[in-house]
Amino acid sequence: MPHAIPEPYDWDSSFEVFYAQLDEEHKGLFKGVFACEKDPGNGDKLADLAAKVKTHFEYEEGQMQKANYGEFEAHKPLHTDFLKTLAGLKVPLSADTIKYAKEWLVNHIKDTDFKYKGKL
């Protein structure tokens, strides 16, 4: 079931996974999406978001592998698909693209990342 999208688009404690670095990185992803929403024609902001996402996914996946997290094989393709989507974007970003990114991040954290709480 889709989760409510916060407005203004900002991380809050309802997104907490209780791993300090992952929570900080999630905050950065929210800020990156918000920056793209505020300036959809700025390619540097899109590139910054894509870099943050890539770095975050690499770290999160590494944590999953270190912990032998059982859902890793199901989780990783979701990251791969989102990265492919980001790589194909061009500025200016449409309102639909921003909406997609907002919804994807919120739902991914609450439906997928929450599964690893207490397991990494």
N, C-alpha and C. Protein backbone atom coordinates (compact mmCIF):
# COMPACT_ATOMS: atom_id res chain seq x y z
N MET A 1 0.85 -1.19 0.00
CA MET A 1 0.00 0.00 0.00
C MET A 1 0.89 1.24 0.00
N PRO A 2 0.60 2.18 -0.87
CA PRO A 2 1.42 3.39 -0.92
C PRO A 2 1.34 4.19 0.40
N HIS A 3 2.44 4.78 0.73
CA HIS A 3 2.54 5.60 1.94
C HIS A 3 2.36 7.07 1.57
N ALA A 4 1.95 7.85 2.56
CA ALA A 4 1.78 9.29 2.36
C ALA A 4 3.13 9.92 2.03
N ILE A 5 3.10 10.84 1.10
CA ILE A 5 4.31 11.56 0.70
C ILE A 5 4.35 12.85 1.51
N PRO A 6 5.41 13.04 2.32
CA PRO A 6 5.44 14.24 3.15
C PRO A 6 5.59 15.52 2.32
N GLU A 7 4.89 16.52 2.71
CA GLU A 7 5.03 17.85 2.11
C GLU A 7 5.13 18.86 3.24
N PRO A 8 6.19 19.63 3.34
CA PRO A 8 7.32 19.62 2.39
C PRO A 8 8.05 18.28 2.43
N TYR A 9 8.72 17.99 1.32
CA TYR A 9 9.39 16.70 1.17
C TYR A 9 10.66 16.69 2.00
N ASP A 10 10.55 16.07 3.17
CA ASP A 10 11.67 16.06 4.11
C ASP A 10 11.60 14.77 4.92
N TRP A 11 12.77 14.21 5.21
CA TRP A 11 12.87 13.01 6.05
C TRP A 11 12.35 13.35 7.44
N ASP A 12 11.65 12.42 8.06
CA ASP A 12 11.27 12.56 9.46
C ASP A 12 11.46 11.20 10.14
N SER A 13 11.25 11.14 11.42
CA SER A 13 11.56 9.93 12.19
C SER A 13 10.72 8.72 11.77
N SER A 14 9.64 8.93 11.03
CA SER A 14 8.85 7.79 10.57
C SER A 14 9.62 6.96 9.53
N PHE A 15 10.72 7.50 9.01
CA PHE A 15 11.55 6.81 8.03
C PHE A 15 12.79 6.15 8.66
N GLU A 16 12.91 6.22 9.96
CA GLU A 16 14.12 5.75 10.65
C GLU A 16 14.27 4.24 10.54
N VAL A 17 15.47 3.81 10.11
CA VAL A 17 15.80 2.38 10.06
C VAL A 17 16.71 1.98 11.22
N PHE A 18 17.13 2.94 12.02
CA PHE A 18 17.91 2.74 13.24
C PHE A 18 19.33 2.25 12.99
N TYR A 19 19.88 2.66 11.85
CA TYR A 19 21.31 2.53 11.57
C TYR A 19 21.74 3.93 11.17
N ALA A 20 22.61 4.52 12.00
CA ALA A 20 22.92 5.95 11.88
C ALA A 20 23.33 6.37 10.47
N GLN A 21 24.27 5.66 9.87
CA GLN A 21 24.73 6.07 8.54
C GLN A 21 23.62 5.94 7.50
N LEU A 22 22.86 4.88 7.56
CA LEU A 22 21.77 4.70 6.60
C LEU A 22 20.71 5.78 6.77
N ASP A 23 20.38 6.12 8.01
CA ASP A 23 19.41 7.19 8.23
C ASP A 23 19.94 8.53 7.72
N GLU A 24 21.21 8.81 7.95
CA GLU A 24 21.80 10.06 7.44
C GLU A 24 21.79 10.08 5.91
N GLU A 25 22.11 8.96 5.30
CA GLU A 25 22.09 8.90 3.84
C GLU A 25 20.66 9.06 3.31
N HIS A 26 19.70 8.45 3.98
CA HIS A 26 18.30 8.63 3.57
C HIS A 26 17.90 10.11 3.65
N LYS A 27 18.33 10.78 4.69
CA LYS A 27 18.05 12.23 4.80
C LYS A 27 18.62 12.96 3.59
N GLY A 28 19.82 12.60 3.19
CA GLY A 28 20.46 13.22 2.04
C GLY A 28 19.71 12.95 0.74
N LEU A 29 19.13 11.76 0.62
CA LEU A 29 18.35 11.45 -0.58
C LEU A 29 17.08 12.29 -0.63
N PHE A 30 16.44 12.46 0.51
CA PHE A 30 15.26 13.34 0.56
C PHE A 30 15.66 14.76 0.13
N LYS A 31 16.77 15.24 0.66
CA LYS A 31 17.23 16.60 0.31
C LYS A 31 17.55 16.69 -1.18
N GLY A 32 18.13 15.64 -1.74
CA GLY A 32 18.46 15.64 -3.15
C GLY A 32 17.23 15.68 -4.04
N VAL A 33 16.21 14.90 -3.69
CA VAL A 33 14.96 14.93 -4.46
C VAL A 33 14.30 16.30 -4.33
N PHE A 34 14.30 16.83 -3.11
CA PHE A 34 13.71 18.15 -2.87
C PHE A 34 14.43 19.22 -3.69
N ALA A 35 15.75 19.15 -3.75
CA ALA A 35 16.53 20.12 -4.53
C ALA A 35 16.16 20.04 -6.02
N CYS A 36 15.97 18.84 -6.51
CA CYS A 36 15.56 18.67 -7.91
C CYS A 36 14.15 19.22 -8.14
N GLU A 37 13.30 19.05 -7.18
CA GLU A 37 11.94 19.58 -7.31
C GLU A 37 11.95 21.10 -7.36
N LYS A 38 12.80 21.71 -6.54
CA LYS A 38 12.86 23.17 -6.48
C LYS A 38 13.53 23.78 -7.70
N ASP A 39 14.40 23.02 -8.37
CA ASP A 39 15.12 23.53 -9.54
C ASP A 39 15.22 22.42 -10.59
N PRO A 40 14.08 22.06 -11.21
CA PRO A 40 14.06 20.89 -12.11
C PRO A 40 14.89 21.04 -13.37
N GLY A 41 15.34 22.24 -13.66
CA GLY A 41 16.16 22.45 -14.85
C GLY A 41 17.65 22.40 -14.57
N ASN A 42 18.03 22.14 -13.33
CA ASN A 42 19.44 22.17 -12.94
C ASN A 42 20.05 20.77 -13.03
N GLY A 43 20.86 20.56 -14.05
CA GLY A 43 21.51 19.27 -14.25
C GLY A 43 22.48 18.90 -13.14
N ASP A 44 23.08 19.90 -12.50
CA ASP A 44 24.01 19.61 -11.40
C ASP A 44 23.27 19.00 -10.22
N LYS A 45 22.06 19.46 -9.97
CA LYS A 45 21.27 18.90 -8.85
C LYS A 45 20.86 17.47 -9.16
N LEU A 46 20.51 17.20 -10.40
CA LEU A 46 20.18 15.83 -10.80
C LEU A 46 21.41 14.93 -10.68
N ALA A 47 22.55 15.41 -11.13
CA ALA A 47 23.79 14.63 -11.04
C ALA A 47 24.16 14.38 -9.58
N ASP A 48 23.96 15.37 -8.73
CA ASP A 48 24.25 15.21 -7.30
C ASP A 48 23.33 14.15 -6.69
N LEU A 49 22.06 14.20 -7.04
CA LEU A 49 21.12 13.19 -6.53
C LEU A 49 21.54 11.80 -7.00
N ALA A 50 21.86 11.66 -8.27
CA ALA A 50 22.26 10.35 -8.80
C ALA A 50 23.50 9.83 -8.08
N ALA A 51 24.46 10.70 -7.80
CA ALA A 51 25.67 10.29 -7.09
C ALA A 51 25.35 9.86 -5.66
N LYS A 52 24.48 10.61 -4.99
CA LYS A 52 24.08 10.25 -3.62
C LYS A 52 23.37 8.91 -3.59
N VAL A 53 22.50 8.69 -4.56
CA VAL A 53 21.76 7.44 -4.62
C VAL A 53 22.73 6.27 -4.83
N LYS A 54 23.64 6.42 -5.78
CA LYS A 54 24.60 5.35 -6.07
C LYS A 54 25.45 5.02 -4.84
N THR A 55 25.98 6.05 -4.19
CA THR A 55 26.80 5.85 -3.00
C THR A 55 26.00 5.18 -1.89
N HIS A 56 24.78 5.64 -1.70
CA HIS A 56 23.93 5.05 -0.65
C HIS A 56 23.63 3.58 -0.94
N PHE A 57 23.24 3.28 -2.18
CA PHE A 57 22.92 1.90 -2.51
C PHE A 57 24.13 1.00 -2.32
N GLU A 58 25.30 1.46 -2.70
CA GLU A 58 26.51 0.66 -2.52
C GLU A 58 26.76 0.37 -1.04
N TYR A 59 26.62 1.38 -0.20
CA TYR A 59 26.85 1.17 1.22
C TYR A 59 25.79 0.23 1.81
N GLU A 60 24.53 0.50 1.49
CA GLU A 60 23.44 -0.31 2.04
C GLU A 60 23.59 -1.78 1.61
N GLU A 61 23.89 -1.99 0.35
CA GLU A 61 24.07 -3.35 -0.15
C GLU A 61 25.26 -4.03 0.52
N GLY A 62 26.32 -3.28 0.77
CA GLY A 62 27.48 -3.83 1.48
C GLY A 62 27.11 -4.26 2.89
N GLN A 63 26.30 -3.46 3.56
CA GLN A 63 25.85 -3.81 4.92
C GLN A 63 25.00 -5.07 4.88
N MET A 64 24.17 -5.19 3.87
CA MET A 64 23.33 -6.38 3.74
C MET A 64 24.18 -7.63 3.52
N GLN A 65 25.18 -7.49 2.66
CA GLN A 65 26.03 -8.64 2.37
C GLN A 65 26.85 -9.05 3.59
N LYS A 66 27.37 -8.06 4.32
CA LYS A 66 28.14 -8.37 5.54
C LYS A 66 27.29 -9.13 6.55
N ALA A 67 26.01 -8.80 6.61
CA ALA A 67 25.11 -9.41 7.58
C ALA A 67 24.45 -10.68 7.03
N ASN A 68 24.81 -11.07 5.81
CA ASN A 68 24.14 -12.20 5.16
C ASN A 68 22.62 -12.04 5.19
N TYR A 69 22.18 -10.84 4.89
CA TYR A 69 20.76 -10.50 4.91
C TYR A 69 20.01 -11.33 3.87
N GLY A 70 19.01 -12.06 4.31
CA GLY A 70 18.29 -13.00 3.47
C GLY A 70 17.51 -12.40 2.32
N GLU A 71 17.16 -11.11 2.42
CA GLU A 71 16.37 -10.46 1.38
C GLU A 71 17.24 -9.70 0.36
N PHE A 72 18.56 -9.86 0.47
CA PHE A 72 19.45 -9.10 -0.41
C PHE A 72 19.15 -9.33 -1.89
N GLU A 73 18.96 -10.57 -2.29
CA GLU A 73 18.76 -10.89 -3.71
C GLU A 73 17.46 -10.27 -4.25
N ALA A 74 16.49 -10.05 -3.41
CA ALA A 74 15.25 -9.39 -3.84
C ALA A 74 15.38 -7.87 -3.80
N HIS A 75 16.23 -7.37 -2.91
CA HIS A 75 16.39 -5.93 -2.69
C HIS A 75 17.25 -5.27 -3.78
N LYS A 76 18.35 -5.90 -4.11
CA LYS A 76 19.31 -5.30 -5.04
C LYS A 76 18.71 -4.92 -6.39
N PRO A 77 17.88 -5.77 -7.03
CA PRO A 77 17.31 -5.36 -8.33
C PRO A 77 16.45 -4.09 -8.26
N LEU A 78 15.85 -3.83 -7.12
CA LEU A 78 15.07 -2.61 -6.97
C LEU A 78 16.00 -1.40 -7.07
N HIS A 79 17.18 -1.52 -6.46
CA HIS A 79 18.19 -0.46 -6.55
C HIS A 79 18.66 -0.30 -8.00
N THR A 80 18.97 -1.42 -8.62
CA THR A 80 19.48 -1.39 -10.00
C THR A 80 18.48 -0.70 -10.93
N ASP A 81 17.22 -1.04 -10.79
CA ASP A 81 16.19 -0.44 -11.65
C ASP A 81 16.06 1.06 -11.41
N PHE A 82 16.12 1.48 -10.15
CA PHE A 82 16.00 2.91 -9.86
C PHE A 82 17.21 3.67 -10.42
N LEU A 83 18.40 3.09 -10.28
CA LEU A 83 19.59 3.73 -10.84
C LEU A 83 19.48 3.86 -12.36
N LYS A 84 18.96 2.85 -13.03
CA LYS A 84 18.77 2.92 -14.49
C LYS A 84 17.80 4.04 -14.84
N THR A 85 16.73 4.15 -14.06
CA THR A 85 15.76 5.22 -14.30
C THR A 85 16.43 6.58 -14.14
N LEU A 86 17.18 6.75 -13.07
CA LEU A 86 17.88 8.03 -12.84
C LEU A 86 18.83 8.34 -13.98
N ALA A 87 19.56 7.35 -14.43
CA ALA A 87 20.57 7.55 -15.48
C ALA A 87 19.92 8.01 -16.78
N GLY A 88 18.67 7.64 -17.00
CA GLY A 88 18.00 8.02 -18.23
C GLY A 88 17.30 9.36 -18.19
N LEU A 89 17.34 10.05 -17.06
CA LEU A 89 16.64 11.32 -16.93
C LEU A 89 17.43 12.47 -17.54
N LYS A 90 16.68 13.42 -18.07
CA LYS A 90 17.25 14.66 -18.62
C LYS A 90 16.52 15.83 -17.99
N VAL A 91 17.22 16.94 -17.87
CA VAL A 91 16.57 18.16 -17.37
C VAL A 91 15.99 18.93 -18.54
N PRO A 92 14.92 19.65 -18.33
CA PRO A 92 14.23 19.82 -17.05
C PRO A 92 13.40 18.59 -16.70
N LEU A 93 13.37 18.29 -15.41
CA LEU A 93 12.58 17.17 -14.91
C LEU A 93 11.11 17.55 -14.89
N SER A 94 10.27 16.64 -15.31
CA SER A 94 8.83 16.90 -15.30
C SER A 94 8.28 16.73 -13.88
N ALA A 95 7.12 17.28 -13.66
CA ALA A 95 6.44 17.10 -12.37
C ALA A 95 6.16 15.62 -12.12
N ASP A 96 5.84 14.87 -13.16
CA ASP A 96 5.60 13.43 -13.01
C ASP A 96 6.86 12.69 -12.59
N THR A 97 8.00 13.10 -13.13
CA THR A 97 9.27 12.47 -12.75
C THR A 97 9.59 12.74 -11.29
N ILE A 98 9.39 13.96 -10.85
CA ILE A 98 9.63 14.32 -9.45
C ILE A 98 8.69 13.51 -8.55
N LYS A 99 7.44 13.43 -8.94
CA LYS A 99 6.45 12.67 -8.15
C LYS A 99 6.89 11.20 -8.05
N TYR A 100 7.34 10.63 -9.17
CA TYR A 100 7.82 9.25 -9.18
C TYR A 100 8.97 9.07 -8.18
N ALA A 101 9.95 9.97 -8.22
CA ALA A 101 11.11 9.86 -7.34
C ALA A 101 10.70 9.97 -5.87
N LYS A 102 9.82 10.90 -5.57
CA LYS A 102 9.34 11.06 -4.19
C LYS A 102 8.64 9.80 -3.71
N GLU A 103 7.74 9.30 -4.53
CA GLU A 103 6.98 8.11 -4.15
C GLU A 103 7.89 6.89 -4.04
N TRP A 104 8.82 6.76 -4.99
CA TRP A 104 9.71 5.60 -4.97
C TRP A 104 10.51 5.57 -3.67
N LEU A 105 11.10 6.70 -3.31
CA LEU A 105 11.94 6.74 -2.11
C LEU A 105 11.13 6.44 -0.85
N VAL A 106 10.00 7.09 -0.69
CA VAL A 106 9.16 6.88 0.49
C VAL A 106 8.74 5.42 0.59
N ASN A 107 8.22 4.88 -0.49
CA ASN A 107 7.72 3.51 -0.45
C ASN A 107 8.85 2.48 -0.34
N HIS A 108 9.98 2.77 -0.97
CA HIS A 108 11.12 1.85 -0.86
C HIS A 108 11.62 1.77 0.58
N ILE A 109 11.76 2.90 1.24
CA ILE A 109 12.23 2.87 2.62
C ILE A 109 11.22 2.14 3.50
N LYS A 110 9.96 2.52 3.41
CA LYS A 110 8.97 1.98 4.35
C LYS A 110 8.55 0.54 4.03
N ASP A 111 8.62 0.13 2.77
CA ASP A 111 8.21 -1.23 2.42
C ASP A 111 9.37 -2.20 2.27
N THR A 112 10.52 -1.71 1.86
CA THR A 112 11.64 -2.61 1.57
C THR A 112 12.75 -2.47 2.59
N ASP A 113 13.22 -1.24 2.83
CA ASP A 113 14.30 -1.06 3.80
C ASP A 113 13.88 -1.43 5.22
N PHE A 114 12.64 -1.18 5.55
CA PHE A 114 12.18 -1.51 6.90
C PHE A 114 12.31 -3.00 7.21
N LYS A 115 12.34 -3.82 6.20
CA LYS A 115 12.49 -5.26 6.41
C LYS A 115 13.83 -5.61 7.03
N TYR A 116 14.85 -4.75 6.83
CA TYR A 116 16.17 -5.07 7.39
C TYR A 116 16.39 -4.50 8.78
N LYS A 117 15.41 -3.81 9.33
CA LYS A 117 15.57 -3.28 10.70
C LYS A 117 15.93 -4.41 11.64
N GLY A 118 16.98 -4.20 12.42
CA GLY A 118 17.40 -5.19 13.39
C GLY A 118 18.12 -6.41 12.81
N LYS A 119 18.38 -6.39 11.50
CA LYS A 119 18.99 -7.57 10.86
C LYS A 119 20.36 -7.28 10.27
N LEU A 120 20.79 -6.02 10.32
CA LEU A 120 22.10 -5.68 9.77
C LEU A 120 23.10 -5.49 10.90
